[in-house]
Amino acid sequence: MRKLKFKHVYIVLKKELKDIFRDKKTWIVTILLPALFIPIMMYIVIGGAESISEQKISDTKIAIIDEGNNAKFINYLKSTGISIVTGLQNPKESLEKGDIRAIVVIPSDFDKNIEEGKNADLTIQVDMSNMKSSNAENMIRGLIKEYANNIVKERLIAKGIDPKILDPIAIKTENIASQSKMAGSFLAFIVPMLLTLWTATGGMGAAVDLAAGEKERGTLEPLLTTSASRLSIMAGKYLAVTTMALISAIASLLGLFASFSLNKDMASLNADFRLSTTAIVVMFVAAFFTASIFAALELALSAYAKSFKEGQTYISPLMFIAIIPAYLVMYKMPNEIPISYFAIPVFGTISIFKELLYGIINMTHIGIFVFSSIVYVAISIYIAALMFKQEWALFRV
C-alpha cells in the first residue's frame, strides 16, 4: 500500500476545492443559505413572538354576554380600550373561527352583588388551541383583577381602613446582569445549536459529491490509478469537506451578526456584547473538531454508497445526531451542564459554545473536549480511510 504524501494531498485538495467552487449550487447551499438562514429565522421567530406577546389591548376583540343589566362593569371594560364586538348571532362560533379572542359571560346579578358587598362570579370563554385567545384570557384576567382591586379599596375606605394594608411588602426587582451578559444569554440559547448544526452538516453536499458523485460520473476510478495513494486521495478529499463545513459555519456566524445589525432591538444588545480573543480561538477550535469528525464520517458513508442518491440517503441521518444534542443542551445553564457532556461529540461542542457566550472560559472543560475530540477525529478518519482502502466497500455492486 502506497504511503501518504503531503504533495499529493495538497494537489487533491486544491483540485477538489476548485471543482467545488465552480458549482453555483455550492455557493448557495454552503455559503448563501447558512448566511441567510439565521437572519430570516430570527426575523420570523422574533416577529411571531412579538405579534403574540405584544398584542395590543385595542386589537383584542371580545364578545360580552350580559345576562342582566350590568352596565357599570361593561362601561369599565369599554374604558380600558378593549375592542368589544356586538351583534354576533353565535359568539362561540365566532370564537372558534378566530374572529374574536374571548367571550365574557356576566351573570344577571353581577353589579348588584358588587354593590351589596358580596362576591360575584364571571366566566371567560376562550379557545386554548389559539395562542392569541389564550393570551387574551390573561389580558382580561388582568383587567378584572384591577377592577376587583378598586372595589376592595373602595370598601376599605368606606370602613375607614387604609387600602395600603393590602400591600404590606413592596417588592422591587433589580437586574444585576450587565447588557453584555444579557446579550450573551440570548445568544447562548440559540447560537450553539445553529452553529453546531451548520458545522456538522455544511460539508454534506461536498462529501456526497466527492465520493458517491464521482463514482456515478465514472471519475473516481481514473483518480485511483494515478501515482497518488488512496490514503492521499482520501486525505485531500477529507480536508476539502472539512473546509466546506468550516466555511458554512463561518457564513452562519456572519449571518448572525448581520441579523443583529439589521434588527434594532437585537442591535442594542449586541452593542455591549464582546467576545475575548481567547473565546474566539476556542470557538474556532471547537468548530474545527466538530467539522473534522463529521467530514470523515460523511466521506466514509459517501465512499460506501453506490450512487449520489444513495449517498444522500446514508448521510442525511447525521443531521439528527447534531440536532438532538442541541435541543438537550439548549435549555441548560452553563452550571447545569454535566462534565461528561464535554467528552461526547456534539454535546461537547454545544456546551463549549454556550459557556463561551456566557463569558466562561473553563480550561478543564476545554481540555476534556479537545482530548476527547482528538480521539473521535482519529477514529472517524480511520473509518474513512478504511472505506477507501477496501475494494468491497469502495466498489460495491
Protein backbone atom coordinates (compact mmCIF):
# COMPACT_ATOMS: atom_id res chain seq x y z
CA MET A 1 0.00 0.00 0.00
CA ARG A 2 1.44 3.36 -1.07
CA LYS A 3 2.02 5.83 1.74
CA LEU A 4 0.50 9.23 2.39
CA LYS A 5 2.31 12.06 0.57
CA PHE A 6 1.51 15.65 1.51
CA LYS A 7 2.29 16.82 -2.02
CA HIS A 8 -0.43 14.55 -3.38
CA VAL A 9 -2.82 15.55 -0.56
CA TYR A 10 -2.34 19.21 -1.50
CA ILE A 11 -2.91 18.53 -5.20
CA VAL A 12 -6.14 16.60 -4.49
CA LEU A 13 -7.32 19.25 -2.03
CA LYS A 14 -6.64 22.06 -4.50
CA LYS A 15 -8.41 20.19 -7.30
CA GLU A 16 -11.47 19.37 -5.19
CA LEU A 17 -11.88 22.90 -3.82
CA LYS A 18 -11.55 24.33 -7.33
CA ASP A 19 -14.23 21.95 -8.61
CA ILE A 20 -16.48 22.63 -5.63
CA PHE A 21 -16.38 26.41 -6.02
CA ARG A 22 -17.09 26.18 -9.74
CA ASP A 23 -20.53 24.80 -8.88
CA LYS A 24 -23.10 27.53 -8.20
CA LYS A 25 -25.09 25.16 -6.02
CA THR A 26 -22.15 25.02 -3.61
CA TRP A 27 -22.25 28.77 -3.11
CA ILE A 28 -25.97 28.61 -2.43
CA VAL A 29 -26.04 25.58 -0.10
CA THR A 30 -22.74 26.06 1.72
CA ILE A 31 -22.39 29.84 1.96
CA LEU A 32 -25.52 31.77 0.98
CA LEU A 33 -28.08 29.55 2.70
CA PRO A 34 -26.31 29.45 6.11
CA ALA A 35 -25.71 33.22 5.94
CA LEU A 36 -29.37 33.96 5.23
CA PHE A 37 -30.93 31.23 7.37
CA ILE A 38 -30.26 32.80 10.78
CA PRO A 39 -31.43 36.36 9.92
CA ILE A 40 -34.59 35.03 8.25
CA MET A 41 -35.30 32.59 11.07
CA MET A 42 -34.75 35.22 13.76
CA TYR A 43 -36.98 37.67 11.91
CA ILE A 44 -39.76 35.09 11.72
CA VAL A 45 -39.36 33.78 15.29
CA ILE A 46 -38.94 37.17 16.97
CA GLY A 47 -41.61 38.78 14.80
CA GLY A 48 -44.03 35.96 15.55
CA ALA A 49 -43.30 36.11 19.27
CA GLU A 50 -43.80 39.86 19.33
CA SER A 51 -47.12 39.60 17.48
CA ILE A 52 -48.36 37.30 20.24
CA SER A 53 -46.71 38.72 23.36
CA GLU A 54 -47.16 42.37 22.42
CA GLN A 55 -50.80 42.06 21.45
CA LYS A 56 -52.38 45.49 21.92
CA ILE A 57 -55.45 45.75 24.11
CA SER A 58 -57.23 47.76 21.41
CA ASP A 59 -56.64 44.93 18.91
CA THR A 60 -58.13 42.33 21.24
CA LYS A 61 -61.71 41.65 20.13
CA ILE A 62 -64.06 40.14 22.68
CA ALA A 63 -67.78 39.49 22.91
CA ILE A 64 -69.88 40.11 26.01
CA ILE A 65 -72.90 38.04 27.00
CA ASP A 66 -74.73 40.10 29.59
CA GLU A 67 -77.37 38.00 31.33
CA GLY A 68 -78.74 41.03 33.19
CA ASN A 69 -78.14 44.76 33.15
CA ASN A 70 -74.54 45.10 34.27
CA ALA A 71 -73.84 48.48 32.70
CA LYS A 72 -71.26 49.53 35.31
CA PHE A 73 -68.86 46.65 34.64
CA ILE A 74 -69.39 46.82 30.87
CA ASN A 75 -68.57 50.55 30.92
CA TYR A 76 -65.38 49.73 32.79
CA LEU A 77 -64.34 47.22 30.11
CA LYS A 78 -65.03 49.83 27.42
CA SER A 79 -62.91 52.38 29.28
CA THR A 80 -59.88 50.08 29.12
CA GLY A 81 -59.83 50.36 25.33
CA ILE A 82 -60.54 46.70 24.69
CA SER A 83 -62.49 46.10 21.48
CA ILE A 84 -65.99 44.84 22.26
CA VAL A 85 -67.79 43.25 19.32
CA THR A 86 -71.59 43.43 19.37
CA GLY A 87 -74.36 41.98 17.25
CA LEU A 88 -72.93 38.47 16.98
CA GLN A 89 -75.53 35.78 16.33
CA ASN A 90 -73.31 32.99 17.63
CA PRO A 91 -70.35 34.30 19.72
CA LYS A 92 -68.99 30.80 20.40
CA GLU A 93 -68.80 30.06 16.68
CA SER A 94 -67.01 33.38 16.13
CA LEU A 95 -64.55 32.41 18.87
CA GLU A 96 -63.86 29.06 17.21
CA LYS A 97 -63.28 30.78 13.86
CA GLY A 98 -60.86 33.23 15.46
CA ASP A 99 -62.97 36.31 14.68
CA ILE A 100 -62.91 37.18 18.38
CA ARG A 101 -60.39 36.28 21.10
CA ALA A 102 -62.71 35.64 24.08
CA ILE A 103 -66.23 35.79 25.43
CA VAL A 104 -67.04 37.33 28.82
CA VAL A 105 -70.23 35.95 30.34
CA ILE A 106 -71.65 38.30 33.03
CA PRO A 107 -74.32 36.84 35.36
CA SER A 108 -77.54 38.81 35.82
CA ASP A 109 -76.77 39.79 39.42
CA PHE A 110 -73.11 40.75 38.94
CA ASP A 111 -73.34 44.53 39.52
CA LYS A 112 -75.95 44.03 42.23
CA ASN A 113 -73.76 41.65 44.24
CA ILE A 114 -70.81 44.04 43.98
CA GLU A 115 -72.88 46.99 45.21
CA GLU A 116 -74.18 44.92 48.14
CA GLY A 117 -70.67 43.97 49.18
CA LYS A 118 -71.00 40.38 48.09
CA ASN A 119 -68.77 38.26 45.89
CA ALA A 120 -69.60 37.85 42.20
CA ASP A 121 -68.72 35.36 39.52
CA LEU A 122 -67.58 35.83 35.93
CA THR A 123 -66.92 33.35 33.13
CA ILE A 124 -64.29 33.84 30.41
CA GLN A 125 -64.66 31.55 27.40
CA VAL A 126 -61.50 31.10 25.33
CA ASP A 127 -60.08 28.80 22.68
CA MET A 128 -56.93 27.36 24.28
CA SER A 129 -55.81 25.94 20.93
CA ASN A 130 -55.37 29.54 19.76
CA MET A 131 -52.33 31.25 21.31
CA LYS A 132 -53.82 34.73 20.86
CA SER A 133 -57.05 33.64 22.50
CA SER A 134 -55.09 32.20 25.41
CA ASN A 135 -53.18 35.48 25.77
CA ALA A 136 -56.47 37.38 25.64
CA GLU A 137 -57.62 35.44 28.70
CA ASN A 138 -54.58 36.64 30.66
CA MET A 139 -55.25 40.18 29.49
CA ILE A 140 -58.91 40.06 30.55
CA ARG A 141 -57.97 38.49 33.89
CA GLY A 142 -55.62 41.41 34.48
CA LEU A 143 -58.38 43.92 33.73
CA ILE A 144 -60.83 42.10 36.02
CA LYS A 145 -58.23 41.94 38.80
CA GLU A 146 -57.67 45.68 38.51
CA TYR A 147 -61.44 46.22 38.72
CA ALA A 148 -61.65 43.93 41.75
CA ASN A 149 -58.76 45.75 43.48
CA ASN A 150 -60.55 49.07 43.02
CA ILE A 151 -63.70 47.59 44.56
CA VAL A 152 -61.71 46.30 47.55
CA LYS A 153 -60.09 49.71 48.06
CA GLU A 154 -63.46 51.43 47.94
CA ARG A 155 -64.85 49.03 50.53
CA LEU A 156 -61.86 49.57 52.83
CA ILE A 157 -62.06 53.34 52.52
CA ALA A 158 -65.79 53.17 53.31
CA LYS A 159 -64.89 51.38 56.54
CA GLY A 160 -62.11 53.86 57.37
CA ILE A 161 -59.27 51.44 56.61
CA ASP A 162 -56.17 52.47 54.65
CA PRO A 163 -56.06 50.40 51.40
CA LYS A 164 -52.27 50.17 51.77
CA ILE A 165 -52.88 47.47 54.36
CA LEU A 166 -53.33 45.12 51.39
CA ASP A 167 -49.71 45.61 50.32
CA PRO A 168 -47.57 45.35 53.48
CA ILE A 169 -44.49 44.42 51.43
CA ALA A 170 -43.27 46.43 48.45
CA ILE A 171 -41.21 44.26 46.14
CA LYS A 172 -38.54 45.71 43.88
CA THR A 173 -36.65 43.70 41.28
CA GLU A 174 -33.08 44.60 40.37
CA ASN A 175 -31.37 43.01 37.40
CA ILE A 176 -27.68 42.57 38.27
CA ALA A 177 -26.82 41.23 34.80
CA SER A 178 -24.98 43.62 32.51
CA GLN A 179 -26.16 44.30 28.96
CA SER A 180 -23.25 42.19 27.74
CA LYS A 181 -24.33 39.26 29.91
CA MET A 182 -27.94 39.65 28.77
CA ALA A 183 -26.78 39.56 25.16
CA GLY A 184 -24.64 36.51 25.93
CA SER A 185 -27.57 34.66 27.50
CA PHE A 186 -29.74 35.43 24.47
CA LEU A 187 -27.04 34.25 22.08
CA ALA A 188 -26.25 31.16 24.16
CA PHE A 189 -29.83 29.98 23.81
CA ILE A 190 -29.85 29.58 20.04
CA VAL A 191 -26.38 30.20 18.57
CA PRO A 192 -24.69 26.96 19.79
CA MET A 193 -27.40 24.87 18.16
CA LEU A 194 -27.32 26.70 14.82
CA LEU A 195 -23.54 26.99 14.70
CA THR A 196 -23.05 23.31 15.53
CA LEU A 197 -25.73 22.28 13.05
CA TRP A 198 -24.11 24.14 10.16
CA THR A 199 -20.63 22.99 11.18
CA ALA A 200 -21.77 19.36 11.24
CA THR A 201 -23.83 19.47 8.05
CA GLY A 202 -22.05 22.15 6.00
CA GLY A 203 -19.82 19.59 4.30
CA MET A 204 -22.59 17.12 3.41
CA GLY A 205 -23.01 18.30 -0.17
CA ALA A 206 -19.28 18.20 -0.83
CA ALA A 207 -18.89 14.79 0.84
CA VAL A 208 -21.62 13.20 -1.29
CA ASP A 209 -20.21 14.66 -4.48
CA LEU A 210 -16.52 13.85 -3.84
CA ALA A 211 -17.03 10.11 -3.47
CA ALA A 212 -20.50 8.85 -4.41
CA GLY A 213 -20.86 11.56 -7.05
CA GLU A 214 -17.53 10.68 -8.64
CA LYS A 215 -18.50 7.01 -8.68
CA GLU A 216 -21.66 7.89 -10.57
CA ARG A 217 -19.76 10.10 -13.05
CA GLY A 218 -17.05 7.45 -13.50
CA THR A 219 -14.21 9.78 -12.47
CA LEU A 220 -13.19 8.06 -9.25
CA GLU A 221 -11.50 5.01 -10.79
CA PRO A 222 -9.15 7.05 -13.04
CA LEU A 223 -8.19 9.12 -9.99
CA LEU A 224 -7.30 5.96 -8.08
CA THR A 225 -4.97 4.83 -10.86
CA THR A 226 -2.74 7.91 -10.51
CA SER A 227 0.53 7.94 -8.57
CA ALA A 228 -1.28 9.31 -5.51
CA SER A 229 -2.07 6.67 -2.88
CA ARG A 230 -5.66 6.05 -1.82
CA LEU A 231 -4.76 7.47 1.59
CA SER A 232 -3.52 10.69 -0.03
CA ILE A 233 -6.66 10.93 -2.16
CA MET A 234 -8.86 10.32 0.87
CA ALA A 235 -6.93 12.92 2.91
CA GLY A 236 -7.27 15.55 0.19
CA LYS A 237 -11.00 14.94 -0.16
CA TYR A 238 -11.39 14.88 3.62
CA LEU A 239 -9.70 18.26 4.02
CA ALA A 240 -11.91 19.67 1.25
CA VAL A 241 -15.07 18.52 3.03
CA THR A 242 -13.78 19.88 6.36
CA THR A 243 -13.00 23.21 4.70
CA MET A 244 -16.53 23.49 3.32
CA ALA A 245 -18.01 22.65 6.72
CA LEU A 246 -15.96 25.41 8.37
CA ILE A 247 -16.90 27.90 5.65
CA SER A 248 -20.55 27.04 6.25
CA ALA A 249 -20.13 27.63 9.98
CA ILE A 250 -18.40 30.98 9.39
CA ALA A 251 -21.15 32.01 6.95
CA SER A 252 -23.82 31.21 9.54
CA LEU A 253 -21.91 33.24 12.13
CA LEU A 254 -21.70 36.21 9.75
CA GLY A 255 -25.44 35.83 9.17
CA LEU A 256 -25.98 36.02 12.91
CA PHE A 257 -24.01 39.26 13.22
CA ALA A 258 -25.93 40.65 10.23
CA SER A 259 -29.24 39.86 11.93
CA PHE A 260 -28.09 41.78 14.99
CA SER A 261 -27.09 44.76 12.91
CA LEU A 262 -30.34 44.87 10.93
CA ASN A 263 -32.69 44.37 13.89
CA LYS A 264 -32.68 47.44 16.15
CA ASP A 265 -33.86 45.51 19.22
CA MET A 266 -31.07 42.94 18.90
CA ALA A 267 -28.53 45.58 17.88
CA SER A 268 -28.99 47.30 21.25
CA LEU A 269 -27.98 44.05 22.97
CA ASN A 270 -25.14 43.39 20.58
CA ALA A 271 -23.65 46.86 21.18
CA ASP A 272 -22.32 45.85 24.59
CA PHE A 273 -21.53 42.24 23.76
CA ARG A 274 -17.89 41.33 23.27
CA LEU A 275 -16.09 38.01 22.84
CA SER A 276 -12.50 37.82 24.01
CA THR A 277 -9.77 36.73 21.61
CA THR A 278 -9.36 33.53 23.64
CA ALA A 279 -13.07 32.77 23.33
CA ILE A 280 -13.00 33.30 19.56
CA VAL A 281 -9.99 30.99 19.20
CA VAL A 282 -11.64 28.29 21.34
CA MET A 283 -14.87 28.60 19.31
CA PHE A 284 -12.92 28.11 16.10
CA VAL A 285 -11.09 25.10 17.57
CA ALA A 286 -14.40 23.59 18.69
CA ALA A 287 -15.93 24.18 15.24
CA PHE A 288 -12.83 22.67 13.60
CA PHE A 289 -13.00 19.46 15.63
CA THR A 290 -16.73 19.09 15.00
CA ALA A 291 -16.30 19.69 11.28
CA SER A 292 -13.40 17.21 11.21
CA ILE A 293 -15.41 14.43 12.86
CA PHE A 294 -18.48 14.83 10.67
CA ALA A 295 -16.45 15.36 7.47
CA ALA A 296 -14.73 12.00 7.94
CA LEU A 297 -17.99 10.18 8.70
CA GLU A 298 -19.75 11.81 5.76
CA LEU A 299 -16.89 10.93 3.41
CA ALA A 300 -16.86 7.33 4.68
CA LEU A 301 -20.60 6.94 4.05
CA SER A 302 -20.26 8.59 0.65
CA ALA A 303 -17.43 6.22 -0.29
CA TYR A 304 -19.58 3.25 0.71
CA ALA A 305 -22.60 4.49 -1.31
CA LYS A 306 -23.03 3.24 -4.86
CA SER A 307 -24.61 6.44 -6.19
CA PHE A 308 -25.14 10.12 -5.39
CA LYS A 309 -28.73 9.49 -4.30
CA GLU A 310 -27.72 6.58 -2.07
CA GLY A 311 -25.01 8.75 -0.53
CA GLN A 312 -27.57 11.42 0.36
CA THR A 313 -29.76 8.74 1.95
CA TYR A 314 -26.90 7.47 4.12
CA ILE A 315 -25.61 10.90 5.16
CA SER A 316 -28.91 12.69 5.89
CA PRO A 317 -29.49 10.94 9.27
CA LEU A 318 -26.26 12.53 10.56
CA MET A 319 -28.22 15.77 10.81
CA PHE A 320 -30.27 14.28 13.64
CA ILE A 321 -27.05 13.45 15.50
CA ALA A 322 -26.40 17.19 15.53
CA ILE A 323 -29.96 18.33 16.25
CA ILE A 324 -30.88 16.05 19.17
CA PRO A 325 -27.96 17.02 21.47
CA ALA A 326 -28.55 20.66 20.55
CA TYR A 327 -32.07 20.55 21.97
CA LEU A 328 -30.98 18.63 25.06
CA VAL A 329 -28.38 21.28 25.95
CA MET A 330 -30.32 24.33 24.74
CA TYR A 331 -32.28 24.91 27.97
CA LYS A 332 -29.41 24.18 30.35
CA MET A 333 -27.46 26.93 32.09
CA PRO A 334 -23.66 26.56 31.94
CA ASN A 335 -23.50 25.47 35.60
CA GLU A 336 -26.12 22.77 34.90
CA ILE A 337 -24.18 21.05 32.11
CA PRO A 338 -22.74 17.70 33.33
CA ILE A 339 -18.97 17.44 32.92
CA SER A 340 -19.49 14.21 30.93
CA TYR A 341 -21.12 16.24 28.14
CA PHE A 342 -17.76 17.80 27.26
CA ALA A 343 -16.40 14.37 26.35
CA ILE A 344 -19.28 13.49 24.00
CA PRO A 345 -19.29 14.58 20.32
CA VAL A 346 -21.69 17.45 19.53
CA PHE A 347 -22.70 17.70 23.22
CA GLY A 348 -19.20 18.97 23.96
CA THR A 349 -19.24 21.48 21.10
CA ILE A 350 -22.57 22.99 22.10
CA SER A 351 -21.57 23.07 25.77
CA ILE A 352 -18.30 24.85 24.96
CA PHE A 353 -20.11 27.40 22.76
CA LYS A 354 -22.67 28.03 25.50
CA GLU A 355 -20.00 28.64 28.15
CA LEU A 356 -18.02 30.98 25.91
CA LEU A 357 -21.09 33.06 25.07
CA TYR A 358 -21.73 33.43 28.80
CA GLY A 359 -18.16 34.67 29.16
CA ILE A 360 -16.94 31.46 30.84
CA ILE A 361 -13.55 30.00 29.86
CA ASN A 362 -13.17 26.75 31.80
CA MET A 363 -9.82 25.21 30.90
CA THR A 364 -10.79 21.84 32.43
CA HIS A 365 -13.86 21.58 30.22
CA ILE A 366 -11.89 22.77 27.18
CA GLY A 367 -9.16 20.21 27.91
CA ILE A 368 -11.68 17.36 28.19
CA PHE A 369 -13.33 18.48 24.95
CA VAL A 370 -10.06 18.78 23.00
CA PHE A 371 -8.65 15.43 24.20
CA SER A 372 -11.86 13.51 23.50
CA SER A 373 -12.29 15.27 20.13
CA ILE A 374 -8.81 14.22 19.03
CA VAL A 375 -9.76 10.61 19.78
CA TYR A 376 -13.05 10.92 17.86
CA VAL A 377 -11.34 12.60 14.89
CA ALA A 378 -8.76 9.78 14.77
CA ILE A 379 -11.49 7.13 14.86
CA SER A 380 -13.60 8.84 12.18
CA ILE A 381 -10.57 9.34 9.89
CA TYR A 382 -9.65 5.69 10.36
CA ILE A 383 -13.17 4.67 9.27
CA ALA A 384 -12.96 6.92 6.20
CA ALA A 385 -9.50 5.56 5.31
CA LEU A 386 -10.80 2.01 5.70
CA MET A 387 -13.57 2.67 3.20
CA PHE A 388 -11.07 3.97 0.64
CA LYS A 389 -8.70 1.02 1.16
CA GLN A 390 -11.29 -1.76 0.89
CA GLU A 391 -12.40 -2.76 -2.61
CA TRP A 392 -15.60 -4.33 -1.28
CA ALA A 393 -16.62 -1.01 0.27
CA LEU A 394 -15.44 1.36 -2.45
CA PHE A 395 -16.80 -0.56 -5.42
CA ARG A 396 -19.93 -2.30 -4.25
CA VAL A 397 -22.23 -3.76 -6.89
